[in-house]
Amino acid sequence: MGLMIKKEIFIGFLIALVATSFGFYLYVEFVLPYGFQESLKIINEENLWGKVLGLAAIPNLLVFFVFIKKKQDYRAKGVLLETFVVTFLILISMFF
């Protein structure tokens, strides 16, 4: 794989990471009825990380389809890679 292709995949990965972080922030801040710090405490106590991360990854769909529409396939692959990483983290959080 060329350096340019790896760079495009990495850019897609980073953008998806930002989209997931943004989705997490939006969900915790505006959907949950508690403050941000209190919501994080409840998520940690109730072991809800997997469910919250799953909802936080929804903006990746938008990012993925934007990249597909703009014919930026390697960036879309980076989004998929980051989504698989989040899925793996969700799977781990189910058992620990």
N, C-alpha and C. Protein backbone atom coordinates (compact mmCIF):
# COMPACT_ATOMS: atom_id res chain seq x y z
N MET A 1 0.84 -1.17 0.00
CA MET A 1 0.00 0.00 0.00
C MET A 1 0.88 1.23 0.00
N GLY A 2 0.50 2.16 -0.79
CA GLY A 2 1.27 3.38 -0.88
C GLY A 2 1.07 4.28 0.32
N LEU A 3 1.98 5.19 0.49
CA LEU A 3 1.92 6.12 1.61
C LEU A 3 0.66 6.99 1.52
N MET A 4 0.28 7.36 0.33
CA MET A 4 -0.91 8.20 0.14
C MET A 4 -2.18 7.46 0.57
N ILE A 5 -2.25 6.18 0.25
CA ILE A 5 -3.43 5.40 0.62
C ILE A 5 -3.52 5.26 2.13
N LYS A 6 -2.39 4.97 2.78
CA LYS A 6 -2.38 4.86 4.24
C LYS A 6 -2.77 6.18 4.89
N LYS A 7 -2.32 7.27 4.31
CA LYS A 7 -2.66 8.58 4.84
C LYS A 7 -4.16 8.83 4.75
N GLU A 8 -4.78 8.47 3.63
CA GLU A 8 -6.22 8.65 3.45
C GLU A 8 -7.02 7.79 4.44
N ILE A 9 -6.58 6.55 4.65
CA ILE A 9 -7.25 5.67 5.61
C ILE A 9 -7.12 6.26 7.01
N PHE A 10 -5.94 6.75 7.35
CA PHE A 10 -5.72 7.35 8.66
C PHE A 10 -6.58 8.59 8.86
N ILE A 11 -6.72 9.41 7.83
CA ILE A 11 -7.59 10.60 7.91
C ILE A 11 -9.03 10.18 8.17
N GLY A 12 -9.50 9.17 7.46
CA GLY A 12 -10.85 8.66 7.68
C GLY A 12 -11.03 8.13 9.09
N PHE A 13 -10.00 7.43 9.59
CA PHE A 13 -10.04 6.91 10.97
C PHE A 13 -10.16 8.05 11.97
N LEU A 14 -9.35 9.09 11.80
CA LEU A 14 -9.38 10.22 12.72
C LEU A 14 -10.71 10.97 12.66
N ILE A 15 -11.24 11.15 11.47
CA ILE A 15 -12.53 11.85 11.35
C ILE A 15 -13.64 11.03 12.00
N ALA A 16 -13.60 9.71 11.85
CA ALA A 16 -14.59 8.86 12.50
C ALA A 16 -14.43 8.89 14.01
N LEU A 17 -13.20 8.97 14.48
CA LEU A 17 -12.95 9.07 15.92
C LEU A 17 -13.55 10.36 16.47
N VAL A 18 -13.38 11.44 15.74
CA VAL A 18 -13.97 12.72 16.14
C VAL A 18 -15.49 12.64 16.10
N ALA A 19 -16.05 12.00 15.08
CA ALA A 19 -17.51 11.86 14.96
C ALA A 19 -18.05 11.03 16.12
N THR A 20 -17.36 9.96 16.50
CA THR A 20 -17.80 9.14 17.62
C THR A 20 -17.71 9.92 18.93
N SER A 21 -16.64 10.67 19.10
CA SER A 21 -16.49 11.49 20.31
C SER A 21 -17.58 12.54 20.38
N PHE A 22 -17.88 13.15 19.24
CA PHE A 22 -18.95 14.15 19.17
C PHE A 22 -20.30 13.51 19.48
N GLY A 23 -20.55 12.32 18.94
CA GLY A 23 -21.79 11.60 19.22
C GLY A 23 -21.90 11.24 20.70
N PHE A 24 -20.78 10.83 21.31
CA PHE A 24 -20.77 10.52 22.74
C PHE A 24 -21.11 11.77 23.55
N TYR A 25 -20.47 12.88 23.21
CA TYR A 25 -20.73 14.12 23.94
C TYR A 25 -22.19 14.55 23.79
N LEU A 26 -22.71 14.53 22.57
CA LEU A 26 -24.11 14.92 22.35
C LEU A 26 -25.07 14.04 23.14
N TYR A 27 -24.81 12.73 23.13
CA TYR A 27 -25.71 11.82 23.84
C TYR A 27 -25.66 12.07 25.34
N VAL A 28 -24.46 12.17 25.90
CA VAL A 28 -24.33 12.34 27.34
C VAL A 28 -24.83 13.71 27.78
N GLU A 29 -24.56 14.72 27.01
CA GLU A 29 -24.91 16.09 27.42
C GLU A 29 -26.39 16.40 27.21
N PHE A 30 -26.95 15.96 26.08
CA PHE A 30 -28.30 16.43 25.73
C PHE A 30 -29.40 15.37 25.84
N VAL A 31 -29.06 14.11 25.81
CA VAL A 31 -30.10 13.08 25.88
C VAL A 31 -30.30 12.61 27.32
N LEU A 32 -29.24 12.38 28.03
CA LEU A 32 -29.35 11.94 29.41
C LEU A 32 -29.81 13.10 30.28
N PRO A 33 -30.68 12.83 31.26
CA PRO A 33 -31.27 13.93 32.04
C PRO A 33 -30.36 14.52 33.11
N TYR A 34 -29.16 14.02 33.26
CA TYR A 34 -28.26 14.49 34.30
C TYR A 34 -27.17 15.35 33.69
N GLY A 35 -26.35 15.95 34.53
CA GLY A 35 -25.21 16.72 34.06
C GLY A 35 -24.16 15.79 33.48
N PHE A 36 -23.16 16.37 32.83
CA PHE A 36 -22.15 15.57 32.14
C PHE A 36 -21.37 14.68 33.12
N GLN A 37 -20.87 15.25 34.20
CA GLN A 37 -20.08 14.49 35.17
C GLN A 37 -20.93 13.41 35.84
N GLU A 38 -22.15 13.76 36.20
CA GLU A 38 -23.04 12.79 36.85
C GLU A 38 -23.41 11.67 35.89
N SER A 39 -23.62 12.01 34.62
CA SER A 39 -23.94 10.99 33.62
C SER A 39 -22.79 10.01 33.45
N LEU A 40 -21.56 10.53 33.41
CA LEU A 40 -20.39 9.65 33.29
C LEU A 40 -20.28 8.73 34.50
N LYS A 41 -20.58 9.25 35.66
CA LYS A 41 -20.54 8.44 36.88
C LYS A 41 -21.58 7.32 36.82
N ILE A 42 -22.78 7.64 36.36
CA ILE A 42 -23.85 6.64 36.24
C ILE A 42 -23.50 5.59 35.19
N ILE A 43 -22.96 6.04 34.06
CA ILE A 43 -22.56 5.11 33.00
C ILE A 43 -21.50 4.15 33.53
N ASN A 44 -20.58 4.65 34.30
CA ASN A 44 -19.53 3.82 34.86
C ASN A 44 -20.07 2.85 35.91
N GLU A 45 -20.93 3.34 36.80
CA GLU A 45 -21.49 2.50 37.87
C GLU A 45 -22.40 1.40 37.31
N GLU A 46 -23.19 1.73 36.31
CA GLU A 46 -24.13 0.78 35.74
C GLU A 46 -23.52 -0.06 34.62
N ASN A 47 -22.24 0.20 34.32
CA ASN A 47 -21.53 -0.51 33.25
C ASN A 47 -22.29 -0.42 31.91
N LEU A 48 -22.60 0.79 31.52
CA LEU A 48 -23.36 1.06 30.29
C LEU A 48 -22.48 1.54 29.14
N TRP A 49 -21.16 1.34 29.25
CA TRP A 49 -20.25 1.86 28.24
C TRP A 49 -20.55 1.30 26.86
N GLY A 50 -20.85 0.03 26.77
CA GLY A 50 -21.12 -0.58 25.46
C GLY A 50 -22.32 0.04 24.78
N LYS A 51 -23.39 0.22 25.53
CA LYS A 51 -24.61 0.80 24.96
C LYS A 51 -24.40 2.25 24.53
N VAL A 52 -23.70 3.01 25.37
CA VAL A 52 -23.46 4.41 25.05
C VAL A 52 -22.51 4.54 23.86
N LEU A 53 -21.48 3.71 23.81
CA LEU A 53 -20.56 3.75 22.66
C LEU A 53 -21.27 3.35 21.37
N GLY A 54 -22.17 2.39 21.46
CA GLY A 54 -22.94 2.00 20.28
C GLY A 54 -23.77 3.16 19.73
N LEU A 55 -24.39 3.90 20.63
CA LEU A 55 -25.17 5.07 20.19
C LEU A 55 -24.26 6.19 19.72
N ALA A 56 -23.10 6.30 20.34
CA ALA A 56 -22.17 7.37 19.97
C ALA A 56 -21.56 7.14 18.59
N ALA A 57 -21.55 5.90 18.11
CA ALA A 57 -20.96 5.59 16.81
C ALA A 57 -21.92 5.86 15.64
N ILE A 58 -23.14 6.23 15.93
CA ILE A 58 -24.12 6.49 14.86
C ILE A 58 -23.67 7.59 13.90
N PRO A 59 -23.04 8.67 14.35
CA PRO A 59 -22.57 9.68 13.39
C PRO A 59 -21.57 9.15 12.36
N ASN A 60 -20.95 7.99 12.64
CA ASN A 60 -20.05 7.40 11.66
C ASN A 60 -20.79 7.02 10.38
N LEU A 61 -22.07 6.70 10.50
CA LEU A 61 -22.85 6.40 9.29
C LEU A 61 -22.89 7.60 8.36
N LEU A 62 -23.15 8.76 8.93
CA LEU A 62 -23.19 9.98 8.12
C LEU A 62 -21.84 10.24 7.47
N VAL A 63 -20.77 10.14 8.25
CA VAL A 63 -19.43 10.38 7.73
C VAL A 63 -19.10 9.37 6.62
N PHE A 64 -19.43 8.11 6.85
CA PHE A 64 -19.16 7.06 5.87
C PHE A 64 -19.86 7.34 4.55
N PHE A 65 -21.14 7.69 4.61
CA PHE A 65 -21.88 7.93 3.37
C PHE A 65 -21.44 9.22 2.67
N VAL A 66 -20.99 10.21 3.43
CA VAL A 66 -20.44 11.41 2.80
C VAL A 66 -19.19 11.06 2.02
N PHE A 67 -18.31 10.25 2.60
CA PHE A 67 -17.09 9.85 1.90
C PHE A 67 -17.40 8.99 0.67
N ILE A 68 -18.38 8.12 0.79
CA ILE A 68 -18.77 7.29 -0.36
C ILE A 68 -19.33 8.18 -1.48
N LYS A 69 -20.18 9.12 -1.10
CA LYS A 69 -20.78 10.03 -2.08
C LYS A 69 -19.72 10.87 -2.79
N LYS A 70 -18.67 11.28 -2.06
CA LYS A 70 -17.61 12.10 -2.64
C LYS A 70 -16.53 11.24 -3.30
N LYS A 71 -16.75 9.93 -3.39
CA LYS A 71 -15.82 8.99 -4.02
C LYS A 71 -14.45 8.98 -3.33
N GLN A 72 -14.47 9.10 -2.01
CA GLN A 72 -13.25 9.02 -1.20
C GLN A 72 -13.27 7.67 -0.48
N ASP A 73 -13.04 6.63 -1.24
CA ASP A 73 -13.20 5.27 -0.74
C ASP A 73 -12.21 4.91 0.37
N TYR A 74 -11.00 5.40 0.29
CA TYR A 74 -10.02 5.06 1.31
C TYR A 74 -10.34 5.71 2.65
N ARG A 75 -10.87 6.91 2.62
CA ARG A 75 -11.32 7.54 3.86
C ARG A 75 -12.52 6.79 4.43
N ALA A 76 -13.40 6.30 3.56
CA ALA A 76 -14.53 5.50 4.02
C ALA A 76 -14.03 4.21 4.68
N LYS A 77 -12.94 3.64 4.14
CA LYS A 77 -12.35 2.45 4.77
C LYS A 77 -11.81 2.79 6.15
N GLY A 78 -11.27 3.96 6.33
CA GLY A 78 -10.81 4.39 7.65
C GLY A 78 -11.95 4.51 8.63
N VAL A 79 -13.10 5.00 8.16
CA VAL A 79 -14.29 5.09 9.00
C VAL A 79 -14.73 3.68 9.41
N LEU A 80 -14.73 2.76 8.46
CA LEU A 80 -15.10 1.38 8.78
C LEU A 80 -14.13 0.77 9.79
N LEU A 81 -12.86 1.04 9.63
CA LEU A 81 -11.86 0.52 10.56
C LEU A 81 -12.12 1.03 11.97
N GLU A 82 -12.39 2.32 12.12
CA GLU A 82 -12.66 2.89 13.43
C GLU A 82 -13.96 2.32 14.00
N THR A 83 -14.95 2.10 13.16
CA THR A 83 -16.20 1.51 13.61
C THR A 83 -15.98 0.09 14.12
N PHE A 84 -15.12 -0.67 13.47
CA PHE A 84 -14.79 -2.01 13.95
C PHE A 84 -14.06 -1.95 15.29
N VAL A 85 -13.20 -0.96 15.46
CA VAL A 85 -12.51 -0.79 16.74
C VAL A 85 -13.51 -0.50 17.85
N VAL A 86 -14.47 0.39 17.59
CA VAL A 86 -15.51 0.70 18.57
C VAL A 86 -16.34 -0.55 18.86
N THR A 87 -16.66 -1.32 17.82
CA THR A 87 -17.42 -2.55 18.02
C THR A 87 -16.64 -3.53 18.89
N PHE A 88 -15.34 -3.63 18.67
CA PHE A 88 -14.51 -4.50 19.50
C PHE A 88 -14.50 -4.01 20.95
N LEU A 89 -14.44 -2.70 21.16
CA LEU A 89 -14.49 -2.15 22.51
C LEU A 89 -15.83 -2.45 23.18
N ILE A 90 -16.90 -2.38 22.41
CA ILE A 90 -18.23 -2.72 22.95
C ILE A 90 -18.26 -4.18 23.36
N LEU A 91 -17.71 -5.05 22.53
CA LEU A 91 -17.66 -6.47 22.83
C LEU A 91 -16.86 -6.72 24.11
N ILE A 92 -15.73 -6.06 24.25
CA ILE A 92 -14.92 -6.20 25.47
C ILE A 92 -15.69 -5.70 26.69
N SER A 93 -16.39 -4.57 26.55
CA SER A 93 -17.11 -4.01 27.69
C SER A 93 -18.25 -4.91 28.15
N MET A 94 -18.73 -5.78 27.29
CA MET A 94 -19.80 -6.69 27.69
C MET A 94 -19.31 -7.75 28.67
N PHE A 95 -18.04 -8.08 28.62
CA PHE A 95 -17.51 -9.15 29.45
C PHE A 95 -16.72 -8.66 30.66
N PHE A 96 -16.38 -7.38 30.71
CA PHE A 96 -15.60 -6.87 31.83
C PHE A 96 -16.29 -5.72 32.52
